[in-house]
């Protein structure tokens, strides 16, 4: 039976998924990490959890995290990020610029690819390093 909580897809298989497909998966991975972080750190009351989650997973916030993450990426990870950043999106939310949305899509694409490859420790490392300054919730 396939374990969808811990996938280990081959790099060729991951390469065949569109950048927006990887971003779709990575968006869920990033949001789950944010929700887990908020709950585990006691950063919010139940009433505020959704509002704070949205605050961290919106495109401008993800774009800022992506910028902090870039110096930490390997060449391969940077290539995956760029693939997502350069994807042709058809709609951009009102609260984000095209540049912010592109960077956020790059972050989501990277997290999707790492998740599908089973690189959970690397996802966690990147997430923790980009959340370090988030104590002011």
C-alpha atoms as a PDB file:
ATOM      1  CA  UNK A   1       0.000   0.000   0.000  1.00  0.00           C
ATOM      2  CA  UNK A   2       1.284   3.474  -0.942  1.00  0.00           C
ATOM      3  CA  UNK A   3       2.122   5.743   2.014  1.00  0.00           C
ATOM      4  CA  UNK A   4       1.052   9.231   0.908  1.00  0.00           C
ATOM      5  CA  UNK A   5       2.424  10.786   4.095  1.00  0.00           C
ATOM      6  CA  UNK A   6       5.930   9.702   3.128  1.00  0.00           C
ATOM      7  CA  UNK A   7       6.443   9.539  -0.612  1.00  0.00           C
ATOM      8  CA  UNK A   8       9.766   8.885  -2.290  1.00  0.00           C
ATOM      9  CA  UNK A   9       9.130   9.591  -5.940  1.00  0.00           C
ATOM     10  CA  UNK A  10      11.929   9.313  -8.459  1.00  0.00           C
ATOM     11  CA  UNK A  11      13.380  12.662  -9.658  1.00  0.00           C
ATOM     12  CA  UNK A  12      12.289  11.847 -13.224  1.00  0.00           C
ATOM     13  CA  UNK A  13       8.704  11.353 -12.060  1.00  0.00           C
ATOM     14  CA  UNK A  14       8.794  14.651 -10.197  1.00  0.00           C
ATOM     15  CA  UNK A  15      10.266  16.338 -13.270  1.00  0.00           C
ATOM     16  CA  UNK A  16       7.265  15.228 -15.296  1.00  0.00           C
ATOM     17  CA  UNK A  17       4.849  17.075 -13.001  1.00  0.00           C
ATOM     18  CA  UNK A  18       4.123  20.641 -14.103  1.00  0.00           C
ATOM     19  CA  UNK A  19       5.512  23.476 -12.006  1.00  0.00           C
ATOM     20  CA  UNK A  20       1.977  24.475 -11.078  1.00  0.00           C
ATOM     21  CA  UNK A  21       1.197  20.874 -10.106  1.00  0.00           C
ATOM     22  CA  UNK A  22       4.188  20.877  -7.767  1.00  0.00           C
ATOM     23  CA  UNK A  23       3.098  24.267  -6.403  1.00  0.00           C
ATOM     24  CA  UNK A  24      -0.385  22.878  -5.769  1.00  0.00           C
ATOM     25  CA  UNK A  25       1.124  20.157  -3.590  1.00  0.00           C
ATOM     26  CA  UNK A  26       3.658  22.515  -1.999  1.00  0.00           C
ATOM     27  CA  UNK A  27       0.937  24.990  -1.052  1.00  0.00           C
ATOM     28  CA  UNK A  28      -0.698  22.301   1.088  1.00  0.00           C
ATOM     29  CA  UNK A  29       2.643  21.264   2.581  1.00  0.00           C
ATOM     30  CA  UNK A  30       3.503  24.855   3.523  1.00  0.00           C
ATOM     31  CA  UNK A  31       0.061  25.498   5.000  1.00  0.00           C
ATOM     32  CA  UNK A  32       0.215  22.295   7.057  1.00  0.00           C
ATOM     33  CA  UNK A  33       3.616  23.363   8.401  1.00  0.00           C
ATOM     34  CA  UNK A  34       2.284  26.806   9.334  1.00  0.00           C
ATOM     35  CA  UNK A  35      -0.781  25.321  11.030  1.00  0.00           C
ATOM     36  CA  UNK A  36       1.400  22.819  12.923  1.00  0.00           C
ATOM     37  CA  UNK A  37       3.835  25.569  13.916  1.00  0.00           C
ATOM     38  CA  UNK A  38       1.046  27.809  15.197  1.00  0.00           C
ATOM     39  CA  UNK A  39      -0.524  24.995  17.228  1.00  0.00           C
ATOM     40  CA  UNK A  40       2.717  23.573  18.612  1.00  0.00           C
ATOM     41  CA  UNK A  41       4.192  26.897  19.660  1.00  0.00           C
ATOM     42  CA  UNK A  42       1.014  28.141  21.303  1.00  0.00           C
ATOM     43  CA  UNK A  43       1.272  31.291  19.224  1.00  0.00           C
ATOM     44  CA  UNK A  44      -2.467  31.757  18.853  1.00  0.00           C
ATOM     45  CA  UNK A  45      -5.792  31.174  20.431  1.00  0.00           C
ATOM     46  CA  UNK A  46      -8.306  28.987  18.660  1.00  0.00           C
ATOM     47  CA  UNK A  47     -10.169  32.099  17.547  1.00  0.00           C
ATOM     48  CA  UNK A  48      -7.063  33.519  15.860  1.00  0.00           C
ATOM     49  CA  UNK A  49      -5.662  30.364  14.235  1.00  0.00           C
ATOM     50  CA  UNK A  50      -7.299  30.839  10.841  1.00  0.00           C
ATOM     51  CA  UNK A  51      -6.464  34.546  10.643  1.00  0.00           C
ATOM     52  CA  UNK A  52      -2.835  33.900  11.526  1.00  0.00           C
ATOM     53  CA  UNK A  53      -2.565  30.977   9.129  1.00  0.00           C
ATOM     54  CA  UNK A  54      -3.768  33.199   6.284  1.00  0.00           C
ATOM     55  CA  UNK A  55      -1.283  35.849   7.394  1.00  0.00           C
ATOM     56  CA  UNK A  56       1.599  33.384   6.879  1.00  0.00           C
ATOM     57  CA  UNK A  57       0.427  31.581   3.751  1.00  0.00           C
ATOM     58  CA  UNK A  58      -0.559  34.549   1.583  1.00  0.00           C
ATOM     59  CA  UNK A  59       1.584  35.349  -1.444  1.00  0.00           C
ATOM     60  CA  UNK A  60       3.391  38.424  -0.039  1.00  0.00           C
ATOM     61  CA  UNK A  61       4.364  36.532   3.136  1.00  0.00           C
ATOM     62  CA  UNK A  62       5.509  33.480   1.178  1.00  0.00           C
ATOM     63  CA  UNK A  63       7.473  35.701  -1.201  1.00  0.00           C
ATOM     64  CA  UNK A  64       9.326  37.265   1.739  1.00  0.00           C
ATOM     65  CA  UNK A  65      10.130  33.816   3.124  1.00  0.00           C
ATOM     66  CA  UNK A  66      11.314  32.671  -0.289  1.00  0.00           C
ATOM     67  CA  UNK A  67      13.743  35.588  -0.467  1.00  0.00           C
ATOM     68  CA  UNK A  68      15.243  34.625   2.908  1.00  0.00           C
ATOM     69  CA  UNK A  69      15.453  31.013   1.806  1.00  0.00           C
ATOM     70  CA  UNK A  70      17.281  31.567  -1.501  1.00  0.00           C
ATOM     71  CA  UNK A  71      20.847  31.721  -0.064  1.00  0.00           C
ATOM     72  CA  UNK A  72      20.218  28.385   1.695  1.00  0.00           C
ATOM     73  CA  UNK A  73      19.240  26.436  -1.416  1.00  0.00           C
ATOM     74  CA  UNK A  74      21.357  23.928  -3.305  1.00  0.00           C
ATOM     75  CA  UNK A  75      21.743  24.318  -7.067  1.00  0.00           C
ATOM     76  CA  UNK A  76      19.086  21.664  -7.671  1.00  0.00           C
ATOM     77  CA  UNK A  77      16.668  23.284  -5.212  1.00  0.00           C
ATOM     78  CA  UNK A  78      17.288  26.673  -6.788  1.00  0.00           C
ATOM     79  CA  UNK A  79      16.464  25.226 -10.217  1.00  0.00           C
ATOM     80  CA  UNK A  80      13.157  23.847  -8.877  1.00  0.00           C
ATOM     81  CA  UNK A  81      12.380  27.194  -7.236  1.00  0.00           C
ATOM     82  CA  UNK A  82      13.072  29.034 -10.515  1.00  0.00           C
ATOM     83  CA  UNK A  83      10.899  26.577 -12.403  1.00  0.00           C
ATOM     84  CA  UNK A  84       7.982  27.488 -10.142  1.00  0.00           C
ATOM     85  CA  UNK A  85       8.780  31.181 -10.103  1.00  0.00           C
ATOM     86  CA  UNK A  86       8.799  31.268 -13.907  1.00  0.00           C
ATOM     87  CA  UNK A  87       5.564  29.282 -14.313  1.00  0.00           C
ATOM     88  CA  UNK A  88       2.832  31.041 -16.247  1.00  0.00           C
ATOM     89  CA  UNK A  89      -0.011  31.699 -13.834  1.00  0.00           C
ATOM     90  CA  UNK A  90      -3.342  32.900 -15.134  1.00  0.00           C
ATOM     91  CA  UNK A  91      -4.671  34.820 -12.149  1.00  0.00           C
ATOM     92  CA  UNK A  92      -2.938  36.815  -9.436  1.00  0.00           C
ATOM     93  CA  UNK A  93      -4.745  37.690  -6.190  1.00  0.00           C
ATOM     94  CA  UNK A  94      -5.486  41.361  -5.502  1.00  0.00           C
ATOM     95  CA  UNK A  95      -3.295  41.417  -2.404  1.00  0.00           C
ATOM     96  CA  UNK A  96      -0.110  40.474  -4.289  1.00  0.00           C
ATOM     97  CA  UNK A  97       2.067  41.854  -7.036  1.00  0.00           C
ATOM     98  CA  UNK A  98       3.059  39.660  -9.971  1.00  0.00           C
ATOM     99  CA  UNK A  99       6.586  39.412  -8.545  1.00  0.00           C
ATOM    100  CA  UNK A 100       5.338  38.360  -5.104  1.00  0.00           C
ATOM    101  CA  UNK A 101       3.023  35.764  -6.581  1.00  0.00           C
ATOM    102  CA  UNK A 102       5.828  34.366  -8.736  1.00  0.00           C
ATOM    103  CA  UNK A 103       8.169  34.051  -5.745  1.00  0.00           C
ATOM    104  CA  UNK A 104       5.419  32.426  -3.668  1.00  0.00           C
ATOM    105  CA  UNK A 105       4.771  29.953  -6.483  1.00  0.00           C
ATOM    106  CA  UNK A 106       8.511  29.182  -6.550  1.00  0.00           C
ATOM    107  CA  UNK A 107       8.486  28.429  -2.822  1.00  0.00           C
ATOM    108  CA  UNK A 108       5.415  26.216  -3.183  1.00  0.00           C
ATOM    109  CA  UNK A 109       6.940  24.398  -6.169  1.00  0.00           C
ATOM    110  CA  UNK A 110      10.104  23.699  -4.173  1.00  0.00           C
ATOM    111  CA  UNK A 111       8.182  22.440  -1.139  1.00  0.00           C
ATOM    112  CA  UNK A 112       6.020  20.254  -3.391  1.00  0.00           C
ATOM    113  CA  UNK A 113       9.039  18.716  -5.110  1.00  0.00           C
ATOM    114  CA  UNK A 114      10.851  18.101  -1.815  1.00  0.00           C
ATOM    115  CA  UNK A 115       7.727  16.546  -0.305  1.00  0.00           C
ATOM    116  CA  UNK A 116       7.191  14.201  -3.245  1.00  0.00           C
ATOM    117  CA  UNK A 117      10.876  13.205  -3.099  1.00  0.00           C
ATOM    118  CA  UNK A 118      10.482  12.289   0.568  1.00  0.00           C
ATOM    119  CA  UNK A 119      12.898  14.992   1.731  1.00  0.00           C
ATOM    120  CA  UNK A 120      10.906  15.880   4.835  1.00  0.00           C
ATOM    121  CA  UNK A 121      13.944  16.794   6.926  1.00  0.00           C
ATOM    122  CA  UNK A 122      15.039  19.338   4.307  1.00  0.00           C
ATOM    123  CA  UNK A 123      11.545  20.851   4.123  1.00  0.00           C
ATOM    124  CA  UNK A 124      11.536  21.184   7.899  1.00  0.00           C
ATOM    125  CA  UNK A 125      15.010  22.722   7.928  1.00  0.00           C
ATOM    126  CA  UNK A 126      14.054  25.359   5.358  1.00  0.00           C
ATOM    127  CA  UNK A 127      10.748  26.061   7.079  1.00  0.00           C
ATOM    128  CA  UNK A 128      12.325  26.498  10.528  1.00  0.00           C
ATOM    129  CA  UNK A 129      15.040  28.784   9.169  1.00  0.00           C
ATOM    130  CA  UNK A 130      12.491  31.028   7.449  1.00  0.00           C
ATOM    131  CA  UNK A 131      10.186  31.167  10.489  1.00  0.00           C
ATOM    132  CA  UNK A 132      12.898  32.242  12.966  1.00  0.00           C
ATOM    133  CA  UNK A 133      11.838  35.878  12.955  1.00  0.00           C
ATOM    134  CA  UNK A 134       8.151  35.054  13.388  1.00  0.00           C
ATOM    135  CA  UNK A 135       8.077  35.381  17.159  1.00  0.00           C
ATOM    136  CA  UNK A 136       5.991  38.546  17.046  1.00  0.00           C
ATOM    137  CA  UNK A 137       2.704  36.753  16.327  1.00  0.00           C
END
